[in-house]
Amino acid sequence: MRYSQRIAVIAYLSLQLLWVVGVDRSVSYGSDGATAVVLSVLALANVGLGLATGWWGAPTLPFLTLVLAIPFGTPEGNLHEPLPIWFGVLLFAPVEAVLVALGVVLRKSWERFRSPRSA
C-alpha cells in the first residue's frame, strides 16, 4: 500500500471513530438536518476511500469500525435506545462496504480507461 493510501485509510478510520464518539455523545439527536449532514459525509467518505485507495481490501474497513465501537458500550444519556453502539455500526457496515467497493470499482474503471492501449 502506498503512502497516500495509508493516509486515506487513517483519515477514514479517524472519521469513523469521530462518528462513533458523536453517536455516544448524542450530538445530532433530534435534528434531521444534522443527521442528514452526518450520513452524507459518511457516504462520501466511504466512496472517497475506495476512490483514494483503489484497493480491493478497502471494503473490509467499515467492519474494523465495529471493533473500534465495542469499547463504547451503550450511548450515554436517555436520548437513545439501549442498544450498544457496535450494533448500530454492524447495521451500517454492509452498506458502507458496498459504497467503498463502488469507489474502488470507479477507480479501477478510470485507471483502465486512462491506460494506454496497444494495437
PDB file of N, CA and C in Angstrom:
ATOM      1  N   MET A   1       0.858  -1.173   0.000  1.00  0.00           N
ATOM      2  CA  MET A   1       0.000   0.000   0.000  1.00  0.00           C
ATOM      3  C   MET A   1       0.903   1.235   0.000  1.00  0.00           C
ATOM      4  N   ARG A   2       0.600   2.163  -0.880  1.00  0.00           N
ATOM      5  CA  ARG A   2       1.387   3.384  -0.977  1.00  0.00           C
ATOM      6  C   ARG A   2       1.102   4.310   0.187  1.00  0.00           C
ATOM      7  N   TYR A   3       1.988   5.287   0.347  1.00  0.00           N
ATOM      8  CA  TYR A   3       1.901   6.237   1.451  1.00  0.00           C
ATOM      9  C   TYR A   3       0.578   7.008   1.424  1.00  0.00           C
ATOM     10  N   SER A   4       0.152   7.470   0.248  1.00  0.00           N
ATOM     11  CA  SER A   4      -1.103   8.230   0.145  1.00  0.00           C
ATOM     12  C   SER A   4      -2.309   7.354   0.483  1.00  0.00           C
ATOM     13  N   GLN A   5      -2.225   6.078   0.174  1.00  0.00           N
ATOM     14  CA  GLN A   5      -3.311   5.167   0.522  1.00  0.00           C
ATOM     15  C   GLN A   5      -3.391   4.972   2.032  1.00  0.00           C
ATOM     16  N   ARG A   6      -2.238   4.906   2.683  1.00  0.00           N
ATOM     17  CA  ARG A   6      -2.229   4.779   4.136  1.00  0.00           C
ATOM     18  C   ARG A   6      -2.852   6.007   4.791  1.00  0.00           C
ATOM     19  N   ILE A   7      -2.541   7.168   4.262  1.00  0.00           N
ATOM     20  CA  ILE A   7      -3.132   8.402   4.789  1.00  0.00           C
ATOM     21  C   ILE A   7      -4.643   8.371   4.631  1.00  0.00           C
ATOM     22  N   ALA A   8      -5.136   7.904   3.481  1.00  0.00           N
ATOM     23  CA  ALA A   8      -6.579   7.808   3.250  1.00  0.00           C
ATOM     24  C   ALA A   8      -7.227   6.849   4.241  1.00  0.00           C
ATOM     25  N   VAL A   9      -6.590   5.726   4.508  1.00  0.00           N
ATOM     26  CA  VAL A   9      -7.143   4.745   5.452  1.00  0.00           C
ATOM     27  C   VAL A   9      -7.165   5.324   6.861  1.00  0.00           C
ATOM     28  N   ILE A  10      -6.089   5.986   7.269  1.00  0.00           N
ATOM     29  CA  ILE A  10      -6.040   6.588   8.611  1.00  0.00           C
ATOM     30  C   ILE A  10      -7.085   7.686   8.745  1.00  0.00           C
ATOM     31  N   ALA A  11      -7.228   8.518   7.724  1.00  0.00           N
ATOM     32  CA  ALA A  11      -8.246   9.575   7.759  1.00  0.00           C
ATOM     33  C   ALA A  11      -9.644   8.978   7.831  1.00  0.00           C
ATOM     34  N   TYR A  12      -9.884   7.913   7.084  1.00  0.00           N
ATOM     35  CA  TYR A  12     -11.187   7.255   7.096  1.00  0.00           C
ATOM     36  C   TYR A  12     -11.503   6.683   8.474  1.00  0.00           C
ATOM     37  N   LEU A  13     -10.550   5.974   9.059  1.00  0.00           N
ATOM     38  CA  LEU A  13     -10.789   5.381  10.369  1.00  0.00           C
ATOM     39  C   LEU A  13     -10.957   6.454  11.444  1.00  0.00           C
ATOM     40  N   SER A  14     -10.253   7.564  11.292  1.00  0.00           N
ATOM     41  CA  SER A  14     -10.425   8.682  12.230  1.00  0.00           C
ATOM     42  C   SER A  14     -11.827   9.266  12.125  1.00  0.00           C
ATOM     43  N   LEU A  15     -12.325   9.415  10.896  1.00  0.00           N
ATOM     44  CA  LEU A  15     -13.685   9.923  10.702  1.00  0.00           C
ATOM     45  C   LEU A  15     -14.710   8.954  11.273  1.00  0.00           C
ATOM     46  N   GLN A  16     -14.491   7.671  11.075  1.00  0.00           N
ATOM     47  CA  GLN A  16     -15.401   6.666  11.619  1.00  0.00           C
ATOM     48  C   GLN A  16     -15.401   6.706  13.145  1.00  0.00           C
ATOM     49  N   LEU A  17     -14.229   6.860  13.748  1.00  0.00           N
ATOM     50  CA  LEU A  17     -14.145   6.943  15.206  1.00  0.00           C
ATOM     51  C   LEU A  17     -14.834   8.206  15.712  1.00  0.00           C
ATOM     52  N   LEU A  18     -14.692   9.286  14.967  1.00  0.00           N
ATOM     53  CA  LEU A  18     -15.388  10.533  15.320  1.00  0.00           C
ATOM     54  C   LEU A  18     -16.902  10.334  15.263  1.00  0.00           C
ATOM     55  N   TRP A  19     -17.379   9.578  14.271  1.00  0.00           N
ATOM     56  CA  TRP A  19     -18.805   9.283  14.160  1.00  0.00           C
ATOM     57  C   TRP A  19     -19.284   8.459  15.351  1.00  0.00           C
ATOM     58  N   VAL A  20     -18.492   7.471  15.760  1.00  0.00           N
ATOM     59  CA  VAL A  20     -18.870   6.638  16.909  1.00  0.00           C
ATOM     60  C   VAL A  20     -18.944   7.484  18.177  1.00  0.00           C
ATOM     61  N   VAL A  21     -17.975   8.371  18.364  1.00  0.00           N
ATOM     62  CA  VAL A  21     -17.988   9.250  19.537  1.00  0.00           C
ATOM     63  C   VAL A  21     -19.195  10.186  19.470  1.00  0.00           C
ATOM     64  N   GLY A  22     -19.528  10.676  18.283  1.00  0.00           N
ATOM     65  CA  GLY A  22     -20.703  11.535  18.121  1.00  0.00           C
ATOM     66  C   GLY A  22     -21.992  10.817  18.471  1.00  0.00           C
ATOM     67  N   VAL A  23     -22.095   9.557  18.097  1.00  0.00           N
ATOM     68  CA  VAL A  23     -23.271   8.763  18.466  1.00  0.00           C
ATOM     69  C   VAL A  23     -23.309   8.573  19.973  1.00  0.00           C
ATOM     70  N   ASP A  24     -22.138   8.311  20.557  1.00  0.00           N
ATOM     71  CA  ASP A  24     -22.064   8.099  22.000  1.00  0.00           C
ATOM     72  C   ASP A  24     -22.496   9.351  22.762  1.00  0.00           C
ATOM     73  N   ARG A  25     -22.175  10.512  22.249  1.00  0.00           N
ATOM     74  CA  ARG A  25     -22.495  11.769  22.931  1.00  0.00           C
ATOM     75  C   ARG A  25     -23.823  12.368  22.475  1.00  0.00           C
ATOM     76  N   SER A  26     -24.549  11.678  21.618  1.00  0.00           N
ATOM     77  CA  SER A  26     -25.864  12.125  21.110  1.00  0.00           C
ATOM     78  C   SER A  26     -25.786  13.494  20.450  1.00  0.00           C
ATOM     79  N   VAL A  27     -24.785  13.704  19.614  1.00  0.00           N
ATOM     80  CA  VAL A  27     -24.531  15.005  19.014  1.00  0.00           C
ATOM     81  C   VAL A  27     -25.668  15.471  18.113  1.00  0.00           C
ATOM     82  N   SER A  28     -26.163  14.613  17.233  1.00  0.00           N
ATOM     83  CA  SER A  28     -27.182  15.050  16.278  1.00  0.00           C
ATOM     84  C   SER A  28     -28.579  14.561  16.636  1.00  0.00           C
ATOM     85  N   TYR A  29     -28.804  14.169  17.874  1.00  0.00           N
ATOM     86  CA  TYR A  29     -30.110  13.644  18.262  1.00  0.00           C
ATOM     87  C   TYR A  29     -31.181  14.730  18.126  1.00  0.00           C
ATOM     88  N   GLY A  30     -32.280  14.406  17.472  1.00  0.00           N
ATOM     89  CA  GLY A  30     -33.418  15.312  17.342  1.00  0.00           C
ATOM     90  C   GLY A  30     -33.315  16.301  16.203  1.00  0.00           C
ATOM     91  N   SER A  31     -32.225  16.310  15.480  1.00  0.00           N
ATOM     92  CA  SER A  31     -32.053  17.242  14.367  1.00  0.00           C
ATOM     93  C   SER A  31     -31.930  16.455  13.069  1.00  0.00           C
ATOM     94  N   ASP A  32     -32.969  16.512  12.261  1.00  0.00           N
ATOM     95  CA  ASP A  32     -32.938  15.794  10.989  1.00  0.00           C
ATOM     96  C   ASP A  32     -31.869  16.351  10.061  1.00  0.00           C
ATOM     97  N   GLY A  33     -31.672  17.659  10.090  1.00  0.00           N
ATOM     98  CA  GLY A  33     -30.660  18.279   9.239  1.00  0.00           C
ATOM     99  C   GLY A  33     -29.259  17.819   9.605  1.00  0.00           C
ATOM    100  N   ALA A  34     -28.955  17.792  10.893  1.00  0.00           N
ATOM    101  CA  ALA A  34     -27.629  17.355  11.337  1.00  0.00           C
ATOM    102  C   ALA A  34     -27.409  15.881  11.011  1.00  0.00           C
ATOM    103  N   THR A  35     -28.440  15.075  11.174  1.00  0.00           N
ATOM    104  CA  THR A  35     -28.324  13.653  10.848  1.00  0.00           C
ATOM    105  C   THR A  35     -28.086  13.467   9.356  1.00  0.00           C
ATOM    106  N   ALA A  36     -28.772  14.224   8.523  1.00  0.00           N
ATOM    107  CA  ALA A  36     -28.585  14.144   7.074  1.00  0.00           C
ATOM    108  C   ALA A  36     -27.164  14.545   6.685  1.00  0.00           C
ATOM    109  N   VAL A  37     -26.640  15.575   7.324  1.00  0.00           N
ATOM    110  CA  VAL A  37     -25.275  16.015   7.026  1.00  0.00           C
ATOM    111  C   VAL A  37     -24.275  14.928   7.429  1.00  0.00           C
ATOM    112  N   VAL A  38     -24.450  14.368   8.613  1.00  0.00           N
ATOM    113  CA  VAL A  38     -23.530  13.326   9.097  1.00  0.00           C
ATOM    114  C   VAL A  38     -23.562  12.115   8.176  1.00  0.00           C
ATOM    115  N   LEU A  39     -24.748  11.661   7.806  1.00  0.00           N
ATOM    116  CA  LEU A  39     -24.859  10.485   6.938  1.00  0.00           C
ATOM    117  C   LEU A  39     -24.319  10.767   5.534  1.00  0.00           C
ATOM    118  N   SER A  40     -24.509  11.987   5.040  1.00  0.00           N
ATOM    119  CA  SER A  40     -23.965  12.357   3.732  1.00  0.00           C
ATOM    120  C   SER A  40     -22.442  12.385   3.750  1.00  0.00           C
ATOM    121  N   VAL A  41     -21.877  12.941   4.807  1.00  0.00           N
ATOM    122  CA  VAL A  41     -20.416  12.970   4.925  1.00  0.00           C
ATOM    123  C   VAL A  41     -19.863  11.558   5.011  1.00  0.00           C
ATOM    124  N   LEU A  42     -20.529  10.691   5.771  1.00  0.00           N
ATOM    125  CA  LEU A  42     -20.077   9.300   5.870  1.00  0.00           C
ATOM    126  C   LEU A  42     -20.167   8.588   4.517  1.00  0.00           C
ATOM    127  N   ALA A  43     -21.238   8.805   3.784  1.00  0.00           N
ATOM    128  CA  ALA A  43     -21.385   8.167   2.473  1.00  0.00           C
ATOM    129  C   ALA A  43     -20.286   8.642   1.521  1.00  0.00           C
ATOM    130  N   LEU A  44     -20.034   9.947   1.504  1.00  0.00           N
ATOM    131  CA  LEU A  44     -18.970  10.477   0.645  1.00  0.00           C
ATOM    132  C   LEU A  44     -17.597   9.974   1.083  1.00  0.00           C
ATOM    133  N   ALA A  45     -17.390   9.840   2.383  1.00  0.00           N
ATOM    134  CA  ALA A  45     -16.106   9.332   2.879  1.00  0.00           C
ATOM    135  C   ALA A  45     -15.892   7.881   2.453  1.00  0.00           C
ATOM    136  N   ASN A  46     -16.953   7.098   2.445  1.00  0.00           N
ATOM    137  CA  ASN A  46     -16.821   5.702   2.027  1.00  0.00           C
ATOM    138  C   ASN A  46     -16.482   5.586   0.549  1.00  0.00           C
ATOM    139  N   VAL A  47     -17.182   6.328  -0.287  1.00  0.00           N
ATOM    140  CA  VAL A  47     -16.871   6.313  -1.719  1.00  0.00           C
ATOM    141  C   VAL A  47     -15.477   6.899  -1.940  1.00  0.00           C
ATOM    142  N   GLY A  48     -15.154   7.957  -1.204  1.00  0.00           N
ATOM    143  CA  GLY A  48     -13.841   8.579  -1.325  1.00  0.00           C
ATOM    144  C   GLY A  48     -12.710   7.649  -0.935  1.00  0.00           C
ATOM    145  N   LEU A  49     -12.928   6.814   0.081  1.00  0.00           N
ATOM    146  CA  LEU A  49     -11.906   5.843   0.463  1.00  0.00           C
ATOM    147  C   LEU A  49     -11.631   4.877  -0.682  1.00  0.00           C
ATOM    148  N   GLY A  50     -12.681   4.398  -1.305  1.00  0.00           N
ATOM    149  CA  GLY A  50     -12.500   3.492  -2.440  1.00  0.00           C
ATOM    150  C   GLY A  50     -11.802   4.164  -3.602  1.00  0.00           C
ATOM    151  N   LEU A  51     -12.159   5.417  -3.867  1.00  0.00           N
ATOM    152  CA  LEU A  51     -11.503   6.164  -4.942  1.00  0.00           C
ATOM    153  C   LEU A  51     -10.039   6.438  -4.623  1.00  0.00           C
ATOM    154  N   ALA A  52      -9.755   6.776  -3.381  1.00  0.00           N
ATOM    155  CA  ALA A  52      -8.387   7.138  -3.000  1.00  0.00           C
ATOM    156  C   ALA A  52      -7.444   5.941  -2.977  1.00  0.00           C
ATOM    157  N   THR A  53      -7.950   4.797  -2.547  1.00  0.00           N
ATOM    158  CA  THR A  53      -7.059   3.649  -2.411  1.00  0.00           C
ATOM    159  C   THR A  53      -7.052   2.760  -3.645  1.00  0.00           C
ATOM    160  N   GLY A  54      -8.221   2.495  -4.222  1.00  0.00           N
ATOM    161  CA  GLY A  54      -8.289   1.553  -5.332  1.00  0.00           C
ATOM    162  C   GLY A  54      -7.880   0.153  -4.901  1.00  0.00           C
ATOM    163  N   TRP A  55      -8.017  -0.122  -3.620  1.00  0.00           N
ATOM    164  CA  TRP A  55      -7.555  -1.374  -3.020  1.00  0.00           C
ATOM    165  C   TRP A  55      -8.762  -2.260  -2.753  1.00  0.00           C
ATOM    166  N   TRP A  56      -8.724  -3.492  -3.230  1.00  0.00           N
ATOM    167  CA  TRP A  56      -9.863  -4.387  -3.082  1.00  0.00           C
ATOM    168  C   TRP A  56     -10.089  -4.819  -1.641  1.00  0.00           C
ATOM    169  N   GLY A  57      -9.139  -4.605  -0.765  1.00  0.00           N
ATOM    170  CA  GLY A  57      -9.320  -4.919   0.650  1.00  0.00           C
ATOM    171  C   GLY A  57     -10.025  -3.811   1.420  1.00  0.00           C
ATOM    172  N   ALA A  58     -10.166  -2.645   0.794  1.00  0.00           N
ATOM    173  CA  ALA A  58     -10.771  -1.484   1.468  1.00  0.00           C
ATOM    174  C   ALA A  58     -12.211  -1.717   1.925  1.00  0.00           C
ATOM    175  N   PRO A  59     -13.045  -2.475   1.219  1.00  0.00           N
ATOM    176  CA  PRO A  59     -14.410  -2.691   1.721  1.00  0.00           C
ATOM    177  C   PRO A  59     -14.505  -3.415   3.058  1.00  0.00           C
ATOM    178  N   THR A  60     -13.409  -3.964   3.544  1.00  0.00           N
ATOM    179  CA  THR A  60     -13.440  -4.593   4.863  1.00  0.00           C
ATOM    180  C   THR A  60     -13.260  -3.570   5.987  1.00  0.00           C
ATOM    181  N   LEU A  61     -12.801  -2.377   5.674  1.00  0.00           N
ATOM    182  CA  LEU A  61     -12.526  -1.377   6.706  1.00  0.00           C
ATOM    183  C   LEU A  61     -13.761  -0.923   7.488  1.00  0.00           C
ATOM    184  N   PRO A  62     -14.954  -0.818   6.896  1.00  0.00           N
ATOM    185  CA  PRO A  62     -16.112  -0.473   7.729  1.00  0.00           C
ATOM    186  C   PRO A  62     -16.364  -1.479   8.852  1.00  0.00           C
ATOM    187  N   PHE A  63     -15.967  -2.713   8.645  1.00  0.00           N
ATOM    188  CA  PHE A  63     -16.141  -3.715   9.695  1.00  0.00           C
ATOM    189  C   PHE A  63     -15.103  -3.545  10.803  1.00  0.00           C
ATOM    190  N   LEU A  64     -13.976  -2.895  10.499  1.00  0.00           N
ATOM    191  CA  LEU A  64     -12.997  -2.563  11.534  1.00  0.00           C
ATOM    192  C   LEU A  64     -13.577  -1.507  12.477  1.00  0.00           C
ATOM    193  N   THR A  65     -14.452  -0.665  11.970  1.00  0.00           N
ATOM    194  CA  THR A  65     -15.129   0.320  12.814  1.00  0.00           C
ATOM    195  C   THR A  65     -15.947  -0.381  13.888  1.00  0.00           C
ATOM    196  N   LEU A  66     -16.463  -1.536  13.567  1.00  0.00           N
ATOM    197  CA  LEU A  66     -17.201  -2.337  14.547  1.00  0.00           C
ATOM    198  C   LEU A  66     -16.319  -2.642  15.759  1.00  0.00           C
ATOM    199  N   VAL A  67     -15.086  -3.006  15.509  1.00  0.00           N
ATOM    200  CA  VAL A  67     -14.149  -3.292  16.593  1.00  0.00           C
ATOM    201  C   VAL A  67     -13.849  -2.023  17.386  1.00  0.00           C
ATOM    202  N   LEU A  68     -13.729  -0.892  16.693  1.00  0.00           N
ATOM    203  CA  LEU A  68     -13.467   0.381  17.374  1.00  0.00           C
ATOM    204  C   LEU A  68     -14.640   0.812  18.256  1.00  0.00           C
ATOM    205  N   ALA A  69     -15.857   0.395  17.902  1.00  0.00           N
ATOM    206  CA  ALA A  69     -17.047   0.829  18.635  1.00  0.00           C
ATOM    207  C   ALA A  69     -17.359  -0.029  19.854  1.00  0.00           C
ATOM    208  N   ILE A  70     -16.789  -1.199  19.943  1.00  0.00           N
ATOM    209  CA  ILE A  70     -17.115  -2.106  21.055  1.00  0.00           C
ATOM    210  C   ILE A  70     -16.848  -1.480  22.424  1.00  0.00           C
ATOM    211  N   PRO A  71     -15.719  -0.796  22.655  1.00  0.00           N
ATOM    212  CA  PRO A  71     -15.479  -0.251  23.996  1.00  0.00           C
ATOM    213  C   PRO A  71     -16.472   0.835  24.438  1.00  0.00           C
ATOM    214  N   PHE A  72     -17.204   1.414  23.512  1.00  0.00           N
ATOM    215  CA  PHE A  72     -18.114   2.496  23.868  1.00  0.00           C
ATOM    216  C   PHE A  72     -19.402   2.006  24.525  1.00  0.00           C
ATOM    217  N   GLY A  73     -19.736   0.738  24.370  1.00  0.00           N
ATOM    218  CA  GLY A  73     -20.936   0.200  25.020  1.00  0.00           C
ATOM    219  C   GLY A  73     -22.210   0.828  24.492  1.00  0.00           C
ATOM    220  N   THR A  74     -23.082   1.244  25.401  1.00  0.00           N
ATOM    221  CA  THR A  74     -24.336   1.889  25.011  1.00  0.00           C
ATOM    222  C   THR A  74     -24.161   3.404  25.054  1.00  0.00           C
ATOM    223  N   PRO A  75     -24.942   4.157  24.264  1.00  0.00           N
ATOM    224  CA  PRO A  75     -24.820   5.610  24.271  1.00  0.00           C
ATOM    225  C   PRO A  75     -25.146   6.195  25.642  1.00  0.00           C
ATOM    226  N   GLU A  76     -24.455   7.275  25.980  1.00  0.00           N
ATOM    227  CA  GLU A  76     -24.724   7.953  27.244  1.00  0.00           C
ATOM    228  C   GLU A  76     -26.016   8.748  27.149  1.00  0.00           C
ATOM    229  N   GLY A  77     -26.668   8.973  28.249  1.00  0.00           N
ATOM    230  CA  GLY A  77     -27.881   9.775  28.276  1.00  0.00           C
ATOM    231  C   GLY A  77     -29.124   8.962  28.014  1.00  0.00           C
ATOM    232  N   ASN A  78     -30.257   9.638  28.030  1.00  0.00           N
ATOM    233  CA  ASN A  78     -31.550   8.992  27.833  1.00  0.00           C
ATOM    234  C   ASN A  78     -32.109   9.242  26.439  1.00  0.00           C
ATOM    235  N   LEU A  79     -31.274   9.638  25.506  1.00  0.00           N
ATOM    236  CA  LEU A  79     -31.771  10.041  24.200  1.00  0.00           C
ATOM    237  C   LEU A  79     -31.848   8.902  23.183  1.00  0.00           C
ATOM    238  N   HIS A  80     -31.305   7.758  23.494  1.00  0.00           N
ATOM    239  CA  HIS A  80     -31.253   6.666  22.523  1.00  0.00           C
ATOM    240  C   HIS A  80     -31.872   5.403  23.095  1.00  0.00           C
ATOM    241  N   GLU A  81     -32.079   4.459  22.200  1.00  0.00           N
ATOM    242  CA  GLU A  81     -32.485   3.120  22.610  1.00  0.00           C
ATOM    243  C   GLU A  81     -31.312   2.476  23.349  1.00  0.00           C
ATOM    244  N   PRO A  82     -31.572   1.552  24.232  1.00  0.00           N
ATOM    245  CA  PRO A  82     -30.479   0.939  24.989  1.00  0.00           C
ATOM    246  C   PRO A  82     -29.748  -0.160  24.223  1.00  0.00           C
ATOM    247  N   LEU A  83     -29.482   0.082  22.958  1.00  0.00           N
ATOM    248  CA  LEU A  83     -28.711  -0.872  22.167  1.00  0.00           C
ATOM    249  C   LEU A  83     -27.247  -0.429  22.151  1.00  0.00           C
ATOM    250  N   PRO A  84     -26.318  -1.366  22.124  1.00  0.00           N
ATOM    251  CA  PRO A  84     -24.909  -0.982  22.053  1.00  0.00           C
ATOM    252  C   PRO A  84     -24.592  -0.266  20.739  1.00  0.00           C
ATOM    253  N   ILE A  85     -23.619   0.617  20.793  1.00  0.00           N
ATOM    254  CA  ILE A  85     -23.223   1.372  19.598  1.00  0.00           C
ATOM    255  C   ILE A  85     -22.705   0.427  18.519  1.00  0.00           C
ATOM    256  N   TRP A  86     -21.991  -0.611  18.924  1.00  0.00           N
ATOM    257  CA  TRP A  86     -21.442  -1.528  17.931  1.00  0.00           C
ATOM    258  C   TRP A  86     -22.539  -2.203  17.118  1.00  0.00           C
ATOM    259  N   PHE A  87     -23.733  -2.370  17.698  1.00  0.00           N
ATOM    260  CA  PHE A  87     -24.834  -2.981  16.959  1.00  0.00           C
ATOM    261  C   PHE A  87     -25.289  -2.063  15.821  1.00  0.00           C
ATOM    262  N   GLY A  88     -25.374  -0.761  16.098  1.00  0.00           N
ATOM    263  CA  GLY A  88     -25.702   0.200  15.041  1.00  0.00           C
ATOM    264  C   GLY A  88     -24.649   0.231  13.957  1.00  0.00           C
ATOM    265  N   VAL A  89     -23.386   0.152  14.355  1.00  0.00           N
ATOM    266  CA  VAL A  89     -22.293   0.116  13.377  1.00  0.00           C
ATOM    267  C   VAL A  89     -22.386  -1.151  12.538  1.00  0.00           C
ATOM    268  N   LEU A  90     -22.765  -2.258  13.164  1.00  0.00           N
ATOM    269  CA  LEU A  90     -22.926  -3.519  12.442  1.00  0.00           C
ATOM    270  C   LEU A  90     -24.014  -3.406  11.375  1.00  0.00           C
ATOM    271  N   LEU A  91     -25.063  -2.650  11.651  1.00  0.00           N
ATOM    272  CA  LEU A  91     -26.126  -2.457  10.663  1.00  0.00           C
ATOM    273  C   LEU A  91     -25.665  -1.573   9.508  1.00  0.00           C
ATOM    274  N   PHE A  92     -24.808  -0.594   9.788  1.00  0.00           N
ATOM    275  CA  PHE A  92     -24.321   0.318   8.757  1.00  0.00           C
ATOM    276  C   PHE A  92     -23.170  -0.272   7.944  1.00  0.00           C
ATOM    277  N   ALA A  93     -22.379  -1.161   8.526  1.00  0.00           N
ATOM    278  CA  ALA A  93     -21.153  -1.644   7.891  1.00  0.00           C
ATOM    279  C   ALA A  93     -21.364  -2.275   6.511  1.00  0.00           C
ATOM    280  N   PRO A  94     -22.372  -3.109   6.287  1.00  0.00           N
ATOM    281  CA  PRO A  94     -22.538  -3.668   4.940  1.00  0.00           C
ATOM    282  C   PRO A  94     -22.839  -2.600   3.886  1.00  0.00           C
ATOM    283  N   VAL A  95     -23.625  -1.599   4.255  1.00  0.00           N
ATOM    284  CA  VAL A  95     -23.934  -0.516   3.318  1.00  0.00           C
ATOM    285  C   VAL A  95     -22.665   0.286   3.021  1.00  0.00           C
ATOM    286  N   GLU A  96     -21.894   0.551   4.068  1.00  0.00           N
ATOM    287  CA  GLU A  96     -20.645   1.282   3.873  1.00  0.00           C
ATOM    288  C   GLU A  96     -19.668   0.480   3.021  1.00  0.00           C
ATOM    289  N   ALA A  97     -19.617  -0.832   3.221  1.00  0.00           N
ATOM    290  CA  ALA A  97     -18.726  -1.678   2.426  1.00  0.00           C
ATOM    291  C   ALA A  97     -19.095  -1.633   0.950  1.00  0.00           C
ATOM    292  N   VAL A  98     -20.384  -1.603   0.657  1.00  0.00           N
ATOM    293  CA  VAL A  98     -20.825  -1.501  -0.741  1.00  0.00           C
ATOM    294  C   VAL A  98     -20.400  -0.147  -1.333  1.00  0.00           C
ATOM    295  N   LEU A  99     -20.514   0.928  -0.546  1.00  0.00           N
ATOM    296  CA  LEU A  99     -20.095   2.244  -1.033  1.00  0.00           C
ATOM    297  C   LEU A  99     -18.587   2.305  -1.275  1.00  0.00           C
ATOM    298  N   VAL A 100     -17.812   1.682  -0.391  1.00  0.00           N
ATOM    299  CA  VAL A 100     -16.363   1.635  -0.598  1.00  0.00           C
ATOM    300  C   VAL A 100     -16.046   0.828  -1.859  1.00  0.00           C
ATOM    301  N   ALA A 101     -16.714  -0.306  -2.028  1.00  0.00           N
ATOM    302  CA  ALA A 101     -16.500  -1.132  -3.223  1.00  0.00           C
ATOM    303  C   ALA A 101     -16.872  -0.362  -4.487  1.00  0.00           C
ATOM    304  N   LEU A 102     -17.925   0.450  -4.419  1.00  0.00           N
ATOM    305  CA  LEU A 102     -18.290   1.290  -5.557  1.00  0.00           C
ATOM    306  C   LEU A 102     -17.157   2.255  -5.901  1.00  0.00           C
ATOM    307  N   GLY A 103     -16.560   2.854  -4.880  1.00  0.00           N
ATOM    308  CA  GLY A 103     -15.428   3.743  -5.119  1.00  0.00           C
ATOM    309  C   GLY A 103     -14.240   3.018  -5.735  1.00  0.00           C
ATOM    310  N   VAL A 104     -13.976   1.792  -5.276  1.00  0.00           N
ATOM    311  CA  VAL A 104     -12.877   1.006  -5.844  1.00  0.00           C
ATOM    312  C   VAL A 104     -13.159   0.685  -7.305  1.00  0.00           C
ATOM    313  N   VAL A 105     -14.387   0.293  -7.612  1.00  0.00           N
ATOM    314  CA  VAL A 105     -14.757  -0.021  -8.995  1.00  0.00           C
ATOM    315  C   VAL A 105     -14.608   1.216  -9.878  1.00  0.00           C
ATOM    316  N   LEU A 106     -15.040   2.362  -9.380  1.00  0.00           N
ATOM    317  CA  LEU A 106     -14.883   3.598 -10.149  1.00  0.00           C
ATOM    318  C   LEU A 106     -13.408   3.908 -10.397  1.00  0.00           C
ATOM    319  N   ARG A 107     -12.577   3.742  -9.380  1.00  0.00           N
ATOM    320  CA  ARG A 107     -11.130   3.995  -9.528  1.00  0.00           C
ATOM    321  C   ARG A 107     -10.518   3.042 -10.539  1.00  0.00           C
ATOM    322  N   LYS A 108     -10.827   1.752 -10.417  1.00  0.00           N
ATOM    323  CA  LYS A 108     -10.265   0.760 -11.340  1.00  0.00           C
ATOM    324  C   LYS A 108     -10.760   0.997 -12.766  1.00  0.00           C
ATOM    325  N   SER A 109     -12.018   1.383 -12.925  1.00  0.00           N
ATOM    326  CA  SER A 109     -12.553   1.676 -14.255  1.00  0.00           C
ATOM    327  C   SER A 109     -11.854   2.885 -14.863  1.00  0.00           C
ATOM    328  N   TRP A 110     -11.624   3.902 -14.040  1.00  0.00           N
ATOM    329  CA  TRP A 110     -10.937   5.102 -14.528  1.00  0.00           C
ATOM    330  C   TRP A 110      -9.502   4.778 -14.931  1.00  0.00           C
ATOM    331  N   GLU A 111      -8.813   3.995 -14.117  1.00  0.00           N
ATOM    332  CA  GLU A 111      -7.437   3.602 -14.461  1.00  0.00           C
ATOM    333  C   GLU A 111      -7.393   2.801 -15.751  1.00  0.00           C
ATOM    334  N   ARG A 112      -8.357   1.928 -15.922  1.00  0.00           N
ATOM    335  CA  ARG A 112      -8.396   1.121 -17.141  1.00  0.00           C
ATOM    336  C   ARG A 112      -8.721   1.988 -18.352  1.00  0.00           C
ATOM    337  N   PHE A 113      -9.598   2.942 -18.198  1.00  0.00           N
ATOM    338  CA  PHE A 113      -9.956   3.849 -19.288  1.00  0.00           C
ATOM    339  C   PHE A 113      -8.772   4.718 -19.677  1.00  0.00           C
ATOM    340  N   ARG A 114      -8.008   5.175 -18.695  1.00  0.00           N
ATOM    341  CA  ARG A 114      -6.889   6.080 -18.938  1.00  0.00           C
ATOM    342  C   ARG A 114      -5.611   5.383 -19.365  1.00  0.00           C
ATOM    343  N   SER A 115      -5.531   4.069 -19.199  1.00  0.00           N
ATOM    344  CA  SER A 115      -4.298   3.367 -19.538  1.00  0.00           C
ATOM    345  C   SER A 115      -4.118   3.320 -21.069  1.00  0.00           C
ATOM    346  N   PRO A 116      -2.872   3.441 -21.499  1.00  0.00           N
ATOM    347  CA  PRO A 116      -2.637   3.391 -22.945  1.00  0.00           C
ATOM    348  C   PRO A 116      -2.922   1.990 -23.491  1.00  0.00           C
ATOM    349  N   ARG A 117      -3.507   1.976 -24.642  1.00  0.00           N
ATOM    350  CA  ARG A 117      -3.845   0.706 -25.268  1.00  0.00           C
ATOM    351  C   ARG A 117      -2.877   0.445 -26.420  1.00  0.00           C
ATOM    352  N   SER A 118      -2.444  -0.780 -26.500  1.00  0.00           N
ATOM    353  CA  SER A 118      -1.568  -1.139 -27.617  1.00  0.00           C
ATOM    354  C   SER A 118      -2.382  -1.853 -28.676  1.00  0.00           C
ATOM    355  N   ALA A 119      -1.932  -1.730 -29.912  1.00  0.00           N
ATOM    356  CA  ALA A 119      -2.673  -2.319 -31.019  1.00  0.00           C
ATOM    357  C   ALA A 119      -2.309  -3.732 -31.266  1.00  0.00           C
TER     358      ALA A 119
END
